[in-house]
Amino acid sequence: MTADRNSLAVCLLLATLPVGSPALAYVRTTNEQGTPISWQESCIFLSPDAAGYPEVGPENTLEAVTAAVNTWNEAAAACQASITFQLEDPQEGLHAGFNPKGKNKNVIVWLSNHWGNEETDYDPQALALTTLTFVSDAGDKQDGRILDADIEFNGVVHRFTTDPSRDNDAYDIQNDLTHELGHVLGLDHTCYDGWFAQRPSDDQGRPIPDCNPASKLPVEVKEATMYPYSDPDEITKRTLEQDDERGVCGIYPPDRNAGPCQPVDLSRDGCGCRTGGQPDAVLWLALLALSLAGGARRHRRGDHESRRHRTETSPRQ
């Protein structure tokens, strides 16, 4: 069995329907085998950084984090979905990473001194990056199982706030984190930016539309939580739209044979994930800010001990 590390620098995801159609579709993230990914457990533990975002302070940051978590939990509870987020007490010294031999933490951190490095090569315009590590092995019963999820916010380039009405040049933490948590659940961007080897399809089997031009997309698409573009002072993604709710309910139905509510501990559960170095495949979804110069920015595709896929969140078109 091999673990696929998927770096998703997640902006906000697009709904995926033609002009004039209701946004009643969602897109799932898949591994290299084409298997939709999801958690096997009945809950997902999240560990927020105790320092929070410096400009708003730890208390206000935690309040925004809690609100974003509750948004998804309430949607899951409404349809009796077999998944819930469990928010742990804030901790100091957290960092993104994957331990193939032991217990993993799904962290939420704000980076203020550096954004990526020569190995990670994060897009400088990304607002946030969600990195998913999962199993990609068509011959194994755990194929598609998510093992770890880390969310990093780019405080080096961008400013964040918890009250955009008073600071309309900053990005709303609750707004953007709600989107990122959708990726943690296994939801993907619902419009096509050209970086996939093959155009994905939504849950109805329909190929998803191009992200651009955004002017041809219906309002329902642009207001979806998983829409891949974000503005400063935007708060529309604090709440879920119908397709977002259908996503969590569809991936985690009540009758799913979910495992116990406990953190993923690979030393305990016997996952035969490859150890040493990077996991086999890395998928990144990047949430990007809207470029002041306009236009969506794209990364090159390349290999770094693994295959990467990045979807950027760009300035609103």
Protein backbone atom coordinates (compact mmCIF):
# COMPACT_ATOMS: atom_id res chain seq x y z
CA MET A 1 0.00 0.00 0.00
CA THR A 2 1.33 3.46 -0.73
CA ALA A 3 0.26 6.76 0.73
CA ASP A 4 -0.55 9.59 -1.65
CA ARG A 5 0.24 12.99 -0.24
CA ASN A 6 -2.01 15.51 -1.94
CA SER A 7 -1.13 19.11 -1.47
CA LEU A 8 -4.23 21.07 -2.15
CA ALA A 9 -3.48 24.73 -2.09
CA VAL A 10 -7.10 25.50 -1.87
CA CYS A 11 -8.72 28.69 -2.82
CA LEU A 12 -12.48 28.55 -3.04
CA LEU A 13 -14.06 25.94 -5.22
CA LEU A 14 -16.42 26.53 -8.09
CA ALA A 15 -19.78 24.94 -8.56
CA THR A 16 -19.86 23.09 -11.82
CA LEU A 17 -22.95 23.63 -13.89
CA PRO A 18 -23.68 25.42 -17.17
CA VAL A 19 -25.10 28.89 -17.22
CA GLY A 20 -28.68 28.96 -16.03
CA SER A 21 -28.49 25.58 -14.29
CA PRO A 22 -28.88 25.23 -10.52
CA ALA A 23 -25.68 24.41 -8.61
CA LEU A 24 -26.74 20.93 -7.56
CA ALA A 25 -23.51 19.06 -7.99
CA TYR A 26 -20.30 18.45 -6.10
CA VAL A 27 -16.89 17.12 -7.10
CA ARG A 28 -14.85 14.61 -5.15
CA THR A 29 -11.08 14.50 -4.91
CA THR A 30 -9.66 11.24 -6.30
CA ASN A 31 -6.32 9.48 -5.94
CA GLU A 32 -4.05 8.33 -8.75
CA GLN A 33 -6.21 5.24 -9.19
CA GLY A 34 -9.29 7.38 -9.75
CA THR A 35 -10.74 6.31 -6.39
CA PRO A 36 -12.64 9.05 -4.51
CA ILE A 37 -10.91 9.74 -1.21
CA SER A 38 -12.55 9.90 2.22
CA TRP A 39 -11.93 9.21 5.89
CA GLN A 40 -12.64 5.74 7.22
CA GLU A 41 -13.14 7.08 10.73
CA SER A 42 -16.39 8.58 12.05
CA CYS A 43 -14.68 11.82 13.02
CA ILE A 44 -11.79 14.07 12.02
CA PHE A 45 -9.65 15.59 14.77
CA LEU A 46 -8.38 19.12 14.08
CA SER A 47 -5.53 20.79 15.98
CA PRO A 48 -5.42 24.61 15.69
CA ASP A 49 -2.26 26.59 16.39
CA ALA A 50 -2.45 28.23 19.82
CA ALA A 51 -0.86 31.42 18.49
CA GLY A 52 -3.61 31.93 15.93
CA TYR A 53 -3.23 34.74 13.43
CA PRO A 54 -1.12 37.49 15.11
CA GLU A 55 -3.13 40.50 13.91
CA VAL A 56 -6.40 39.27 15.42
CA GLY A 57 -5.02 37.27 18.34
CA PRO A 58 -5.55 33.68 19.49
CA GLU A 59 -9.01 34.16 20.99
CA ASN A 60 -10.58 35.75 17.91
CA THR A 61 -8.82 33.28 15.64
CA LEU A 62 -10.16 30.33 17.60
CA GLU A 63 -13.67 31.79 17.47
CA ALA A 64 -13.50 31.94 13.66
CA VAL A 65 -12.07 28.42 13.47
CA THR A 66 -14.83 27.10 15.72
CA ALA A 67 -17.51 28.78 13.60
CA ALA A 68 -16.14 27.23 10.38
CA VAL A 69 -16.01 23.78 11.99
CA ASN A 70 -19.57 24.14 13.30
CA THR A 71 -20.84 25.05 9.83
CA TRP A 72 -19.83 21.67 8.44
CA ASN A 73 -20.84 19.78 11.59
CA GLU A 74 -24.34 21.26 11.48
CA ALA A 75 -24.74 20.28 7.83
CA ALA A 76 -23.54 16.75 8.60
CA ALA A 77 -25.89 16.44 11.57
CA ALA A 78 -28.87 17.60 9.50
CA CYS A 79 -28.55 14.61 7.16
CA GLN A 80 -27.16 12.28 9.83
CA ALA A 81 -23.88 11.99 7.97
CA SER A 82 -21.43 9.55 9.53
CA ILE A 83 -18.67 12.14 10.00
CA THR A 84 -17.97 15.02 12.34
CA PHE A 85 -15.09 17.38 13.06
CA GLN A 86 -13.63 17.22 16.58
CA LEU A 87 -11.79 20.44 17.48
CA GLU A 88 -8.96 19.82 19.92
CA ASP A 89 -7.55 22.41 22.30
CA PRO A 90 -5.13 24.81 20.60
CA GLN A 91 -1.51 23.71 20.79
CA GLU A 92 1.83 25.44 20.38
CA GLY A 93 4.51 24.53 17.91
CA LEU A 94 2.32 22.82 15.34
CA HIS A 95 3.51 22.36 11.77
CA ALA A 96 2.28 20.55 8.68
CA GLY A 97 3.71 17.11 8.09
CA PHE A 98 2.98 13.41 7.80
CA ASN A 99 4.26 10.63 10.03
CA PRO A 100 4.00 7.28 8.20
CA LYS A 101 4.82 5.30 11.36
CA GLY A 102 2.74 6.90 14.08
CA LYS A 103 -0.02 9.27 15.14
CA ASN A 104 -0.77 12.26 12.93
CA LYS A 105 -2.30 15.63 13.71
CA ASN A 106 -4.50 17.53 11.28
CA VAL A 107 -3.18 21.02 11.93
CA ILE A 108 -4.48 24.52 11.18
CA VAL A 109 -1.60 26.99 11.22
CA TRP A 110 -0.78 30.55 10.13
CA LEU A 111 2.67 31.10 8.63
CA SER A 112 4.06 34.60 9.04
CA ASN A 113 7.81 34.17 8.59
CA HIS A 114 8.04 31.87 5.58
CA TRP A 115 5.75 30.39 2.96
CA GLY A 116 7.00 27.10 1.59
CA ASN A 117 10.59 26.24 0.75
CA GLU A 118 12.63 24.77 -2.09
CA GLU A 119 10.95 21.40 -1.60
CA THR A 120 7.34 22.51 -1.19
CA ASP A 121 7.47 25.40 -3.66
CA TYR A 122 4.18 26.95 -2.55
CA ASP A 123 2.55 29.47 -4.84
CA PRO A 124 3.27 32.93 -3.40
CA GLN A 125 -0.27 34.12 -4.16
CA ALA A 126 -1.97 31.26 -2.36
CA LEU A 127 -4.19 32.28 0.54
CA ALA A 128 -4.11 28.83 2.06
CA LEU A 129 -2.86 25.36 1.31
CA THR A 130 -4.51 22.10 2.33
CA THR A 131 -2.26 19.05 2.14
CA LEU A 132 -3.98 15.66 2.12
CA THR A 133 -2.16 12.38 2.57
CA PHE A 134 -4.09 9.31 1.45
CA VAL A 135 -3.75 5.74 0.24
CA SER A 136 -3.54 5.02 -3.48
CA ASP A 137 -3.49 1.29 -4.08
CA ALA A 138 -6.15 -0.25 -6.29
CA GLY A 139 -5.49 -3.68 -4.83
CA ASP A 140 -5.98 -2.70 -1.22
CA LYS A 141 -9.22 -2.36 0.72
CA GLN A 142 -7.98 0.96 2.11
CA ASP A 143 -7.55 2.48 -1.35
CA GLY A 144 -8.70 6.12 -1.11
CA ARG A 145 -8.43 6.33 2.66
CA ILE A 146 -7.37 9.78 3.93
CA LEU A 147 -4.63 9.55 6.56
CA ASP A 148 -3.75 13.15 7.29
CA ALA A 149 -4.86 16.71 6.46
CA ASP A 150 -3.00 19.95 7.18
CA ILE A 151 -4.19 23.51 6.51
CA GLU A 152 -1.67 26.36 6.23
CA PHE A 153 -2.57 30.04 5.83
CA ASN A 154 -0.24 32.40 3.98
CA GLY A 155 0.34 35.23 6.44
CA VAL A 156 3.55 36.17 4.68
CA VAL A 157 1.86 37.71 1.64
CA HIS A 158 -1.76 38.19 2.75
CA ARG A 159 -3.58 39.74 5.69
CA PHE A 160 -6.50 38.06 7.46
CA THR A 161 -9.28 39.25 9.70
CA THR A 162 -12.27 38.05 11.67
CA ASP A 163 -14.25 41.25 11.05
CA PRO A 164 -14.08 42.26 7.38
CA SER A 165 -16.59 45.06 7.99
CA ARG A 166 -13.82 46.86 9.86
CA ASP A 167 -10.90 45.70 7.75
CA ASN A 168 -12.07 45.30 4.17
CA ASP A 169 -8.58 44.86 2.71
CA ALA A 170 -8.07 41.55 4.55
CA TYR A 171 -9.37 38.04 3.93
CA ASP A 172 -11.94 36.60 6.28
CA ILE A 173 -10.59 33.63 8.26
CA GLN A 174 -13.95 31.92 8.72
CA ASN A 175 -14.81 32.35 5.05
CA ASP A 176 -11.59 30.81 3.74
CA LEU A 177 -11.31 28.10 6.39
CA THR A 178 -14.83 26.86 5.66
CA HIS A 179 -13.68 26.27 2.09
CA GLU A 180 -10.49 24.51 3.23
CA LEU A 181 -12.44 22.19 5.52
CA GLY A 182 -14.44 21.10 2.48
CA HIS A 183 -11.18 19.84 0.99
CA VAL A 184 -10.37 18.05 4.24
CA LEU A 185 -13.65 16.17 3.84
CA GLY A 186 -12.68 15.10 0.32
CA LEU A 187 -14.47 17.73 -1.78
CA ASP A 188 -12.65 19.15 -4.80
CA HIS A 189 -12.96 22.30 -6.86
CA THR A 190 -15.96 22.11 -9.09
CA CYS A 191 -14.58 23.95 -12.11
CA TYR A 192 -11.77 23.00 -14.44
CA ASP A 193 -8.59 25.09 -14.50
CA GLY A 194 -6.65 22.94 -16.95
CA TRP A 195 -4.26 21.29 -14.52
CA PHE A 196 -5.99 17.93 -14.28
CA ALA A 197 -4.75 15.32 -16.72
CA GLN A 198 -8.39 14.64 -17.42
CA ARG A 199 -11.38 16.90 -16.85
CA PRO A 200 -13.13 15.68 -13.67
CA SER A 201 -16.84 14.98 -13.49
CA ASP A 202 -19.29 15.92 -10.79
CA ASP A 203 -21.39 13.50 -8.76
CA GLN A 204 -23.98 13.47 -11.56
CA GLY A 205 -21.38 12.21 -14.04
CA ARG A 206 -21.18 15.53 -15.89
CA PRO A 207 -17.79 16.99 -16.88
CA ILE A 208 -17.19 20.11 -14.85
CA PRO A 209 -17.07 23.47 -16.66
CA ASP A 210 -14.09 25.75 -17.15
CA CYS A 211 -13.39 28.18 -14.34
CA ASN A 212 -13.03 31.02 -16.81
CA PRO A 213 -14.63 33.12 -17.97
CA ALA A 214 -16.40 33.53 -14.65
CA SER A 215 -18.83 35.95 -16.27
CA LYS A 216 -20.59 32.95 -17.85
CA LEU A 217 -21.09 31.15 -14.56
CA PRO A 218 -24.44 31.48 -12.73
CA VAL A 219 -24.69 33.24 -9.37
CA GLU A 220 -25.31 29.90 -7.64
CA VAL A 221 -21.90 28.70 -8.78
CA LYS A 222 -20.05 31.79 -7.62
CA GLU A 223 -21.65 31.69 -4.19
CA ALA A 224 -20.79 28.03 -3.51
CA THR A 225 -18.38 27.39 -0.66
CA MET A 226 -16.21 25.31 -2.93
CA TYR A 227 -15.91 28.04 -5.56
CA PRO A 228 -12.15 28.55 -6.15
CA TYR A 229 -11.89 32.33 -5.97
CA SER A 230 -11.86 34.68 -3.01
CA ASP A 231 -12.08 38.42 -2.45
CA PRO A 232 -10.91 40.49 0.48
CA ASP A 233 -13.82 41.11 2.90
CA GLU A 234 -15.82 38.22 1.36
CA ILE A 235 -18.03 36.26 3.78
CA THR A 236 -20.36 34.34 1.44
CA LYS A 237 -18.45 31.10 1.99
CA ARG A 238 -19.05 31.18 5.72
CA THR A 239 -22.30 29.37 4.94
CA LEU A 240 -22.84 26.32 2.75
CA GLU A 241 -24.90 26.11 -0.39
CA GLN A 242 -27.02 23.11 -1.31
CA ASP A 243 -24.35 21.42 -3.42
CA ASP A 244 -21.80 21.77 -0.58
CA GLU A 245 -24.23 20.15 1.83
CA ARG A 246 -24.95 17.38 -0.66
CA GLY A 247 -21.22 16.74 -0.81
CA VAL A 248 -20.70 15.93 2.87
CA CYS A 249 -23.97 13.99 3.01
CA GLY A 250 -23.13 12.00 -0.12
CA ILE A 251 -19.56 11.10 0.86
CA TYR A 252 -20.50 10.10 4.42
CA PRO A 253 -24.01 8.56 4.39
CA PRO A 254 -25.56 7.39 7.70
CA ASP A 255 -25.23 3.71 6.77
CA ARG A 256 -21.50 3.96 6.02
CA ASN A 257 -19.42 1.40 7.92
CA ALA A 258 -17.38 4.06 9.71
CA GLY A 259 -14.53 3.30 12.07
CA PRO A 260 -14.30 4.55 15.65
CA CYS A 261 -13.91 8.24 16.50
CA GLN A 262 -10.18 8.38 17.09
CA PRO A 263 -7.11 10.06 15.55
CA VAL A 264 -5.33 8.19 12.76
CA ASP A 265 -2.41 6.34 14.36
CA LEU A 266 -0.47 4.31 11.80
CA SER A 267 1.56 2.53 14.48
CA ARG A 268 -1.69 1.14 15.83
CA ASP A 269 -3.98 0.46 12.88
CA GLY A 270 -1.52 -1.47 10.75
CA CYS A 271 -1.59 0.65 7.59
CA GLY A 272 1.27 -0.61 5.42
CA CYS A 273 2.12 2.84 4.08
CA ARG A 274 5.50 3.34 2.52
CA THR A 275 7.96 4.92 4.93
CA GLY A 276 10.92 7.17 4.41
CA GLY A 277 10.99 10.42 2.46
CA GLN A 278 7.91 11.79 0.82
CA PRO A 279 4.86 9.63 0.23
CA ASP A 280 4.46 8.47 -3.35
CA ALA A 281 2.13 11.16 -4.66
CA VAL A 282 1.44 14.72 -3.66
CA LEU A 283 -1.69 16.61 -4.64
CA TRP A 284 -1.86 20.30 -3.82
CA LEU A 285 -4.93 22.49 -4.04
CA ALA A 286 -4.07 26.13 -3.53
CA LEU A 287 -6.53 28.75 -2.44
CA LEU A 288 -5.43 31.94 -4.13
CA ALA A 289 -6.27 35.55 -3.66
CA LEU A 290 -7.68 37.50 -6.54
CA SER A 291 -4.74 39.03 -8.33
CA LEU A 292 -4.73 42.81 -8.34
CA ALA A 293 -3.47 42.57 -11.90
CA GLY A 294 -6.41 40.36 -12.79
CA GLY A 295 -6.49 36.91 -14.32
CA ALA A 296 -5.98 33.48 -12.84
CA ARG A 297 -2.38 32.49 -12.17
CA ARG A 298 -1.18 28.95 -12.72
CA HIS A 299 1.73 26.89 -11.53
CA ARG A 300 3.90 24.70 -13.65
CA ARG A 301 3.41 20.98 -13.18
CA GLY A 302 6.43 19.05 -12.08
CA ASP A 303 7.76 16.14 -10.07
CA HIS A 304 9.37 16.34 -6.68
CA GLU A 305 9.71 12.77 -5.51
CA SER A 306 6.00 12.61 -6.18
CA ARG A 307 3.27 13.76 -8.50
CA ARG A 308 1.70 17.08 -7.67
CA HIS A 309 -1.55 18.65 -8.60
CA ARG A 310 -2.32 22.20 -7.66
CA THR A 311 -5.46 24.22 -8.09
CA GLU A 312 -5.09 27.85 -7.21
CA THR A 313 -7.65 30.23 -5.91
CA SER A 314 -7.27 33.39 -7.92
CA PRO A 315 -8.66 36.91 -7.88
CA ARG A 316 -12.34 36.99 -8.67
CA GLN A 317 -12.97 37.47 -12.39
